[in-house]
Amino acid sequence: MRDAMNRRQALALGTGAVVAATLSLRAGPACAARNNSEEAIKAFTRGKEPVRGKVKLELPEIAENGNTVPMTVSVDVPMTEESFVEEVMIVAEGNPNPGVISFHFTPSSVAEANTRIRLAETQNVVAIARMNDGSVFSDVRQVKVTIGGCGG
């Protein structure tokens, strides 16, 4: 039961496939999150610099409640055996644990997922998509959090 407090798993159905997503919820110092977000992105991209484009991150510009912010991410690529999105990682730069959620895809998936995320404060949210050939693409959105968030 303790593990459920730190790690939640969600399943989303794609056309003919299941997309597994893992949501991490851990507390820690907020100032370290910004440094950790760069490290998390570098580890996810395997050192490659993400290229802006192909990824579309949809979030509200203003979140009246940081505890439940709707989010949709999609990647505009053909999902074929030769070329497909393997994984999309969402990073919230100002959260105590910046790695918010990761979506895993297969060639038979639709490269789109939506959920609600928790944001500690006004911050940038970054989506990074890693393709099966190792190329990486990204999108960034700033969300202004007015109340709530990870800290209350």
N, C-alpha and C. Protein backbone atom coordinates (compact mmCIF):
# COMPACT_ATOMS: atom_id res chain seq x y z
N MET A 1 0.82 -1.18 0.00
CA MET A 1 0.00 0.00 0.00
C MET A 1 0.86 1.25 0.00
N ARG A 2 2.05 1.19 0.67
CA ARG A 2 2.95 2.34 0.68
C ARG A 2 3.41 2.70 -0.72
N ASP A 3 3.67 1.68 -1.54
CA ASP A 3 4.09 1.92 -2.91
C ASP A 3 3.04 2.69 -3.69
N ALA A 4 1.77 2.45 -3.38
CA ALA A 4 0.69 3.15 -4.08
C ALA A 4 0.75 4.64 -3.79
N MET A 5 1.27 5.03 -2.63
CA MET A 5 1.39 6.46 -2.30
C MET A 5 2.48 7.11 -3.14
N ASN A 6 3.51 6.36 -3.51
CA ASN A 6 4.63 6.91 -4.27
C ASN A 6 4.50 6.71 -5.77
N ARG A 7 3.79 5.70 -6.21
CA ARG A 7 3.76 5.38 -7.62
C ARG A 7 2.36 4.89 -8.00
N ARG A 8 1.74 5.56 -8.95
CA ARG A 8 0.44 5.13 -9.44
C ARG A 8 0.58 4.75 -10.89
N GLN A 9 -0.11 3.72 -11.28
CA GLN A 9 -0.07 3.29 -12.67
C GLN A 9 -1.45 3.48 -13.27
N ALA A 10 -1.46 4.00 -14.49
CA ALA A 10 -2.70 4.22 -15.21
C ALA A 10 -2.59 3.54 -16.57
N LEU A 11 -3.70 3.07 -17.09
CA LEU A 11 -3.71 2.46 -18.41
C LEU A 11 -4.64 3.25 -19.31
N ALA A 12 -4.20 3.53 -20.50
CA ALA A 12 -5.02 4.22 -21.48
C ALA A 12 -5.10 3.34 -22.72
N LEU A 13 -6.28 3.21 -23.28
CA LEU A 13 -6.44 2.35 -24.45
C LEU A 13 -6.23 3.14 -25.72
N GLY A 14 -5.35 2.64 -26.59
CA GLY A 14 -5.16 3.19 -27.93
C GLY A 14 -5.86 2.28 -28.90
N THR A 15 -5.86 2.59 -30.17
CA THR A 15 -6.50 1.71 -31.14
C THR A 15 -5.70 0.43 -31.25
N GLY A 16 -6.25 -0.62 -30.66
CA GLY A 16 -5.63 -1.93 -30.75
C GLY A 16 -4.44 -2.13 -29.84
N ALA A 17 -4.17 -1.19 -28.93
CA ALA A 17 -3.01 -1.34 -28.06
C ALA A 17 -3.28 -0.69 -26.72
N VAL A 18 -2.49 -1.05 -25.76
CA VAL A 18 -2.60 -0.46 -24.43
C VAL A 18 -1.37 0.42 -24.21
N VAL A 19 -1.63 1.61 -23.72
CA VAL A 19 -0.56 2.55 -23.41
C VAL A 19 -0.42 2.56 -21.90
N ALA A 20 0.75 2.21 -21.41
CA ALA A 20 0.98 2.20 -19.97
C ALA A 20 1.61 3.50 -19.55
N ALA A 21 1.14 4.04 -18.46
CA ALA A 21 1.68 5.30 -17.95
C ALA A 21 1.96 5.14 -16.47
N THR A 22 3.06 5.69 -16.03
CA THR A 22 3.41 5.64 -14.62
C THR A 22 3.50 7.05 -14.10
N LEU A 23 2.79 7.31 -13.03
CA LEU A 23 2.74 8.64 -12.44
C LEU A 23 3.49 8.60 -11.12
N SER A 24 4.53 9.41 -11.02
CA SER A 24 5.33 9.45 -9.80
C SER A 24 4.87 10.61 -8.94
N LEU A 25 4.64 10.34 -7.67
CA LEU A 25 4.27 11.38 -6.72
C LEU A 25 5.19 11.27 -5.51
N ARG A 26 6.17 12.14 -5.44
CA ARG A 26 7.10 12.15 -4.32
C ARG A 26 7.34 13.58 -3.89
N ALA A 27 7.61 13.78 -2.63
CA ALA A 27 7.90 15.12 -2.13
C ALA A 27 9.42 15.30 -2.03
N GLY A 28 9.85 16.56 -2.10
CA GLY A 28 11.27 16.89 -1.98
C GLY A 28 11.44 18.38 -2.10
N PRO A 29 12.63 18.89 -1.97
CA PRO A 29 12.86 20.32 -2.05
C PRO A 29 12.56 20.86 -3.45
N ALA A 30 11.75 21.92 -3.52
CA ALA A 30 11.35 22.49 -4.81
C ALA A 30 12.53 23.09 -5.57
N CYS A 31 13.51 23.65 -4.86
CA CYS A 31 14.64 24.26 -5.55
C CYS A 31 15.48 23.22 -6.28
N ALA A 32 15.53 22.02 -5.77
CA ALA A 32 16.28 20.96 -6.43
C ALA A 32 15.56 20.45 -7.67
N ALA A 33 14.25 20.69 -7.76
CA ALA A 33 13.47 20.18 -8.89
C ALA A 33 13.96 20.76 -10.21
N ARG A 34 14.28 22.04 -10.24
CA ARG A 34 14.71 22.67 -11.49
C ARG A 34 16.01 22.03 -12.00
N ASN A 35 16.94 21.75 -11.09
CA ASN A 35 18.17 21.07 -11.48
C ASN A 35 17.89 19.63 -11.89
N ASN A 36 17.01 18.98 -11.14
CA ASN A 36 16.66 17.60 -11.44
C ASN A 36 15.92 17.47 -12.76
N SER A 37 15.16 18.49 -13.17
CA SER A 37 14.43 18.41 -14.44
C SER A 37 15.41 18.33 -15.60
N GLU A 38 16.48 19.09 -15.55
CA GLU A 38 17.50 19.02 -16.60
C GLU A 38 18.15 17.64 -16.65
N GLU A 39 18.44 17.09 -15.47
CA GLU A 39 19.04 15.75 -15.40
C GLU A 39 18.08 14.69 -15.91
N ALA A 40 16.79 14.81 -15.55
CA ALA A 40 15.79 13.84 -16.01
C ALA A 40 15.64 13.89 -17.52
N ILE A 41 15.63 15.08 -18.09
CA ILE A 41 15.51 15.24 -19.54
C ILE A 41 16.74 14.66 -20.24
N LYS A 42 17.92 14.97 -19.71
CA LYS A 42 19.16 14.46 -20.32
C LYS A 42 19.20 12.94 -20.29
N ALA A 43 18.77 12.33 -19.19
CA ALA A 43 18.74 10.87 -19.09
C ALA A 43 17.72 10.28 -20.07
N PHE A 44 16.55 10.92 -20.17
CA PHE A 44 15.50 10.42 -21.06
C PHE A 44 15.91 10.51 -22.53
N THR A 45 16.55 11.63 -22.90
CA THR A 45 16.94 11.83 -24.30
C THR A 45 18.25 11.13 -24.65
N ARG A 46 18.88 10.54 -23.63
CA ARG A 46 20.18 9.85 -23.80
C ARG A 46 21.23 10.82 -24.34
N GLY A 47 21.16 12.07 -23.82
CA GLY A 47 22.14 13.09 -24.16
C GLY A 47 21.85 13.88 -25.42
N LYS A 48 20.82 13.52 -26.18
CA LYS A 48 20.50 14.25 -27.40
C LYS A 48 19.69 15.50 -27.06
N GLU A 49 19.88 16.53 -27.86
CA GLU A 49 19.14 17.78 -27.69
C GLU A 49 17.77 17.64 -28.37
N PRO A 50 16.67 17.81 -27.62
CA PRO A 50 15.34 17.70 -28.23
C PRO A 50 15.10 18.81 -29.26
N VAL A 51 14.43 18.46 -30.35
CA VAL A 51 14.08 19.40 -31.41
C VAL A 51 12.64 19.83 -31.18
N ARG A 52 12.40 21.15 -31.21
CA ARG A 52 11.02 21.64 -31.07
C ARG A 52 10.21 21.23 -32.29
N GLY A 53 9.01 20.72 -32.03
CA GLY A 53 8.12 20.32 -33.11
C GLY A 53 7.65 18.89 -32.94
N LYS A 54 6.66 18.53 -33.71
CA LYS A 54 6.00 17.22 -33.74
C LYS A 54 5.22 16.91 -32.47
N VAL A 55 5.63 17.45 -31.33
CA VAL A 55 4.94 17.22 -30.06
C VAL A 55 4.01 18.40 -29.80
N LYS A 56 2.78 18.08 -29.41
CA LYS A 56 1.81 19.14 -29.06
C LYS A 56 1.36 18.89 -27.63
N LEU A 57 1.65 19.85 -26.75
CA LEU A 57 1.29 19.78 -25.35
C LEU A 57 0.17 20.77 -25.10
N GLU A 58 -0.96 20.29 -24.61
CA GLU A 58 -2.11 21.14 -24.34
C GLU A 58 -2.37 21.19 -22.84
N LEU A 59 -2.28 22.41 -22.30
CA LEU A 59 -2.54 22.67 -20.89
C LEU A 59 -3.24 24.02 -20.80
N PRO A 60 -4.01 24.26 -19.74
CA PRO A 60 -4.59 25.59 -19.59
C PRO A 60 -3.50 26.62 -19.30
N GLU A 61 -3.68 27.84 -19.77
CA GLU A 61 -2.70 28.90 -19.49
C GLU A 61 -2.70 29.24 -18.00
N ILE A 62 -3.90 29.22 -17.40
CA ILE A 62 -4.04 29.49 -15.97
C ILE A 62 -4.76 28.31 -15.34
N ALA A 63 -4.17 27.75 -14.28
CA ALA A 63 -4.79 26.65 -13.54
C ALA A 63 -5.26 27.21 -12.21
N GLU A 64 -6.57 27.23 -12.01
CA GLU A 64 -7.11 27.73 -10.75
C GLU A 64 -6.87 26.77 -9.60
N ASN A 65 -6.59 25.52 -9.93
CA ASN A 65 -6.30 24.53 -8.91
C ASN A 65 -5.11 23.70 -9.39
N GLY A 66 -3.96 23.89 -8.79
CA GLY A 66 -2.76 23.17 -9.19
C GLY A 66 -2.80 21.69 -8.88
N ASN A 67 -3.78 21.26 -8.08
CA ASN A 67 -3.88 19.85 -7.72
C ASN A 67 -4.43 18.98 -8.84
N THR A 68 -5.11 19.60 -9.81
CA THR A 68 -5.73 18.80 -10.88
C THR A 68 -5.78 19.60 -12.17
N VAL A 69 -4.69 19.57 -12.91
CA VAL A 69 -4.55 20.34 -14.14
C VAL A 69 -4.70 19.40 -15.34
N PRO A 70 -5.72 19.64 -16.19
CA PRO A 70 -5.89 18.76 -17.35
C PRO A 70 -4.77 18.94 -18.36
N MET A 71 -4.33 17.82 -18.94
CA MET A 71 -3.21 17.86 -19.88
C MET A 71 -3.44 16.83 -20.98
N THR A 72 -3.14 17.22 -22.21
CA THR A 72 -3.15 16.30 -23.35
C THR A 72 -1.83 16.46 -24.09
N VAL A 73 -1.23 15.36 -24.47
CA VAL A 73 -0.01 15.39 -25.27
C VAL A 73 -0.24 14.49 -26.48
N SER A 74 0.20 14.97 -27.64
CA SER A 74 0.11 14.17 -28.86
C SER A 74 1.38 14.39 -29.68
N VAL A 75 1.69 13.40 -30.50
CA VAL A 75 2.88 13.48 -31.34
C VAL A 75 2.43 13.21 -32.77
N ASP A 76 2.75 14.14 -33.67
CA ASP A 76 2.32 14.06 -35.06
C ASP A 76 3.35 13.28 -35.88
N VAL A 77 3.27 11.96 -35.78
CA VAL A 77 4.13 11.07 -36.56
C VAL A 77 3.31 9.85 -36.96
N PRO A 78 3.66 9.24 -38.11
CA PRO A 78 2.97 8.00 -38.46
C PRO A 78 3.43 6.89 -37.50
N MET A 79 2.50 6.15 -36.99
CA MET A 79 2.85 5.07 -36.07
C MET A 79 2.93 3.77 -36.86
N THR A 80 4.12 3.49 -37.39
CA THR A 80 4.35 2.28 -38.18
C THR A 80 5.47 1.48 -37.52
N GLU A 81 5.66 0.26 -37.95
CA GLU A 81 6.74 -0.58 -37.42
C GLU A 81 8.11 0.07 -37.64
N GLU A 82 8.25 0.83 -38.73
CA GLU A 82 9.53 1.45 -39.07
C GLU A 82 9.78 2.74 -38.29
N SER A 83 8.71 3.46 -37.96
CA SER A 83 8.86 4.76 -37.30
C SER A 83 7.70 4.99 -36.35
N PHE A 84 8.01 5.03 -35.06
CA PHE A 84 6.95 5.26 -34.07
C PHE A 84 7.52 5.90 -32.80
N VAL A 85 6.63 6.47 -32.01
CA VAL A 85 6.99 7.06 -30.72
C VAL A 85 7.09 5.92 -29.71
N GLU A 86 8.25 5.79 -29.07
CA GLU A 86 8.42 4.77 -28.03
C GLU A 86 7.86 5.26 -26.69
N GLU A 87 8.20 6.52 -26.36
CA GLU A 87 7.85 7.02 -25.03
C GLU A 87 7.75 8.54 -25.05
N VAL A 88 6.83 9.06 -24.25
CA VAL A 88 6.71 10.49 -24.03
C VAL A 88 6.82 10.72 -22.53
N MET A 89 7.70 11.64 -22.14
CA MET A 89 7.88 11.99 -20.74
C MET A 89 7.41 13.42 -20.53
N ILE A 90 6.68 13.63 -19.43
CA ILE A 90 6.23 14.97 -19.05
C ILE A 90 7.02 15.39 -17.82
N VAL A 91 7.61 16.59 -17.89
CA VAL A 91 8.42 17.13 -16.81
C VAL A 91 7.83 18.46 -16.37
N ALA A 92 7.62 18.62 -15.08
CA ALA A 92 7.16 19.88 -14.50
C ALA A 92 8.35 20.48 -13.75
N GLU A 93 8.94 21.53 -14.32
CA GLU A 93 10.21 22.06 -13.82
C GLU A 93 10.16 22.55 -12.38
N GLY A 94 9.00 22.99 -11.88
CA GLY A 94 8.92 23.53 -10.52
C GLY A 94 8.39 22.56 -9.49
N ASN A 95 8.09 21.33 -9.86
CA ASN A 95 7.58 20.36 -8.90
C ASN A 95 8.73 19.76 -8.08
N PRO A 96 8.43 19.30 -6.86
CA PRO A 96 9.46 18.66 -6.05
C PRO A 96 10.10 17.47 -6.76
N ASN A 97 9.31 16.70 -7.49
CA ASN A 97 9.81 15.61 -8.33
C ASN A 97 9.38 15.97 -9.75
N PRO A 98 10.30 16.45 -10.59
CA PRO A 98 9.92 16.99 -11.89
C PRO A 98 9.37 15.95 -12.88
N GLY A 99 9.76 14.69 -12.76
CA GLY A 99 9.25 13.66 -13.67
C GLY A 99 7.82 13.32 -13.31
N VAL A 100 6.85 13.89 -14.03
CA VAL A 100 5.45 13.75 -13.66
C VAL A 100 4.87 12.43 -14.15
N ILE A 101 5.04 12.13 -15.44
CA ILE A 101 4.42 10.94 -16.01
C ILE A 101 5.15 10.55 -17.29
N SER A 102 5.14 9.27 -17.60
CA SER A 102 5.69 8.77 -18.87
C SER A 102 4.65 7.87 -19.52
N PHE A 103 4.50 8.04 -20.83
CA PHE A 103 3.59 7.22 -21.61
C PHE A 103 4.42 6.35 -22.55
N HIS A 104 4.13 5.07 -22.59
CA HIS A 104 4.84 4.13 -23.45
C HIS A 104 3.91 3.72 -24.59
N PHE A 105 4.44 3.73 -25.82
CA PHE A 105 3.63 3.44 -27.00
C PHE A 105 4.22 2.29 -27.79
N THR A 106 3.38 1.69 -28.64
CA THR A 106 3.79 0.67 -29.60
C THR A 106 3.38 1.16 -30.98
N PRO A 107 3.85 0.53 -32.05
CA PRO A 107 3.47 0.97 -33.40
C PRO A 107 1.96 0.95 -33.64
N SER A 108 1.23 0.11 -32.93
CA SER A 108 -0.23 0.05 -33.14
C SER A 108 -1.00 1.02 -32.25
N SER A 109 -0.29 1.85 -31.47
CA SER A 109 -0.92 2.86 -30.61
C SER A 109 -1.24 4.12 -31.39
N VAL A 110 -2.09 4.91 -30.80
CA VAL A 110 -2.28 6.29 -31.25
C VAL A 110 -1.37 7.12 -30.34
N ALA A 111 -0.55 7.98 -30.92
CA ALA A 111 0.43 8.75 -30.14
C ALA A 111 -0.24 9.94 -29.48
N GLU A 112 -1.16 9.66 -28.58
CA GLU A 112 -1.86 10.71 -27.83
C GLU A 112 -2.29 10.15 -26.49
N ALA A 113 -2.21 11.00 -25.47
CA ALA A 113 -2.64 10.60 -24.13
C ALA A 113 -3.12 11.84 -23.39
N ASN A 114 -4.05 11.63 -22.47
CA ASN A 114 -4.47 12.75 -21.62
C ASN A 114 -4.69 12.26 -20.21
N THR A 115 -4.49 13.19 -19.29
CA THR A 115 -4.62 12.90 -17.87
C THR A 115 -4.74 14.23 -17.14
N ARG A 116 -4.69 14.18 -15.85
CA ARG A 116 -4.62 15.39 -15.02
C ARG A 116 -3.33 15.28 -14.22
N ILE A 117 -2.63 16.41 -14.12
CA ILE A 117 -1.36 16.42 -13.41
C ILE A 117 -1.42 17.41 -12.25
N ARG A 118 -0.48 17.30 -11.36
CA ARG A 118 -0.40 18.17 -10.19
C ARG A 118 0.80 19.10 -10.36
N LEU A 119 0.56 20.41 -10.19
CA LEU A 119 1.63 21.39 -10.33
C LEU A 119 1.77 22.17 -9.02
N ALA A 120 3.01 22.26 -8.53
CA ALA A 120 3.28 22.90 -7.25
C ALA A 120 3.18 24.42 -7.31
N GLU A 121 3.45 24.99 -8.48
CA GLU A 121 3.53 26.45 -8.61
C GLU A 121 3.47 26.81 -10.08
N THR A 122 3.46 28.08 -10.40
CA THR A 122 3.57 28.53 -11.78
C THR A 122 4.90 28.04 -12.32
N GLN A 123 4.86 27.40 -13.50
CA GLN A 123 6.07 26.77 -14.01
C GLN A 123 5.91 26.34 -15.45
N ASN A 124 7.03 25.94 -16.04
CA ASN A 124 7.03 25.35 -17.38
C ASN A 124 6.78 23.86 -17.25
N VAL A 125 5.97 23.35 -18.17
CA VAL A 125 5.75 21.91 -18.29
C VAL A 125 6.33 21.52 -19.65
N VAL A 126 7.15 20.49 -19.66
CA VAL A 126 7.86 20.08 -20.87
C VAL A 126 7.41 18.67 -21.25
N ALA A 127 7.13 18.47 -22.54
CA ALA A 127 6.84 17.14 -23.08
C ALA A 127 7.98 16.77 -24.01
N ILE A 128 8.55 15.58 -23.81
CA ILE A 128 9.63 15.11 -24.66
C ILE A 128 9.23 13.74 -25.21
N ALA A 129 9.27 13.62 -26.54
CA ALA A 129 8.93 12.36 -27.20
C ALA A 129 10.21 11.73 -27.74
N ARG A 130 10.41 10.45 -27.43
CA ARG A 130 11.57 9.71 -27.96
C ARG A 130 11.05 8.70 -29.00
N MET A 131 11.59 8.81 -30.20
CA MET A 131 11.20 7.93 -31.29
C MET A 131 12.00 6.63 -31.23
N ASN A 132 11.55 5.62 -31.96
CA ASN A 132 12.23 4.33 -31.95
C ASN A 132 13.64 4.41 -32.55
N ASP A 133 13.92 5.44 -33.37
CA ASP A 133 15.27 5.61 -33.93
C ASP A 133 16.18 6.45 -33.03
N GLY A 134 15.66 6.86 -31.85
CA GLY A 134 16.46 7.63 -30.90
C GLY A 134 16.31 9.13 -31.02
N SER A 135 15.67 9.63 -32.07
CA SER A 135 15.46 11.08 -32.19
C SER A 135 14.45 11.54 -31.14
N VAL A 136 14.60 12.79 -30.71
CA VAL A 136 13.74 13.33 -29.66
C VAL A 136 13.16 14.68 -30.07
N PHE A 137 11.90 14.89 -29.70
CA PHE A 137 11.18 16.11 -30.01
C PHE A 137 10.53 16.62 -28.74
N SER A 138 10.24 17.94 -28.70
CA SER A 138 9.69 18.50 -27.47
C SER A 138 8.71 19.63 -27.72
N ASP A 139 7.99 19.97 -26.66
CA ASP A 139 7.12 21.13 -26.61
C ASP A 139 7.11 21.61 -25.16
N VAL A 140 6.94 22.92 -24.96
CA VAL A 140 6.95 23.51 -23.63
C VAL A 140 5.76 24.44 -23.50
N ARG A 141 5.10 24.41 -22.34
CA ARG A 141 4.01 25.32 -22.04
C ARG A 141 4.19 25.83 -20.61
N GLN A 142 3.93 27.11 -20.42
CA GLN A 142 3.94 27.64 -19.06
C GLN A 142 2.51 27.63 -18.54
N VAL A 143 2.35 27.20 -17.30
CA VAL A 143 1.05 27.18 -16.63
C VAL A 143 1.16 28.05 -15.39
N LYS A 144 0.25 29.02 -15.27
CA LYS A 144 0.20 29.88 -14.09
C LYS A 144 -0.75 29.24 -13.09
N VAL A 145 -0.23 28.83 -11.94
CA VAL A 145 -1.03 28.20 -10.90
C VAL A 145 -1.44 29.27 -9.89
N THR A 146 -2.75 29.43 -9.69
CA THR A 146 -3.23 30.49 -8.81
C THR A 146 -3.42 30.03 -7.37
N ILE A 147 -3.90 28.78 -7.14
CA ILE A 147 -4.04 28.24 -5.79
C ILE A 147 -3.72 26.77 -5.82
N GLY A 148 -3.64 26.15 -4.66
CA GLY A 148 -3.43 24.70 -4.57
C GLY A 148 -2.00 24.33 -4.88
N GLY A 149 -1.83 23.31 -5.69
CA GLY A 149 -0.51 22.81 -6.03
C GLY A 149 -0.04 21.78 -5.04
N CYS A 150 1.18 21.33 -5.20
CA CYS A 150 1.73 20.28 -4.34
C CYS A 150 1.85 20.73 -2.89
N GLY A 151 2.07 22.02 -2.68
CA GLY A 151 2.27 22.51 -1.32
C GLY A 151 0.98 22.87 -0.60
N GLY A 152 -0.15 22.77 -1.26
CA GLY A 152 -1.40 23.04 -0.54
C GLY A 152 -2.19 24.03 -1.26
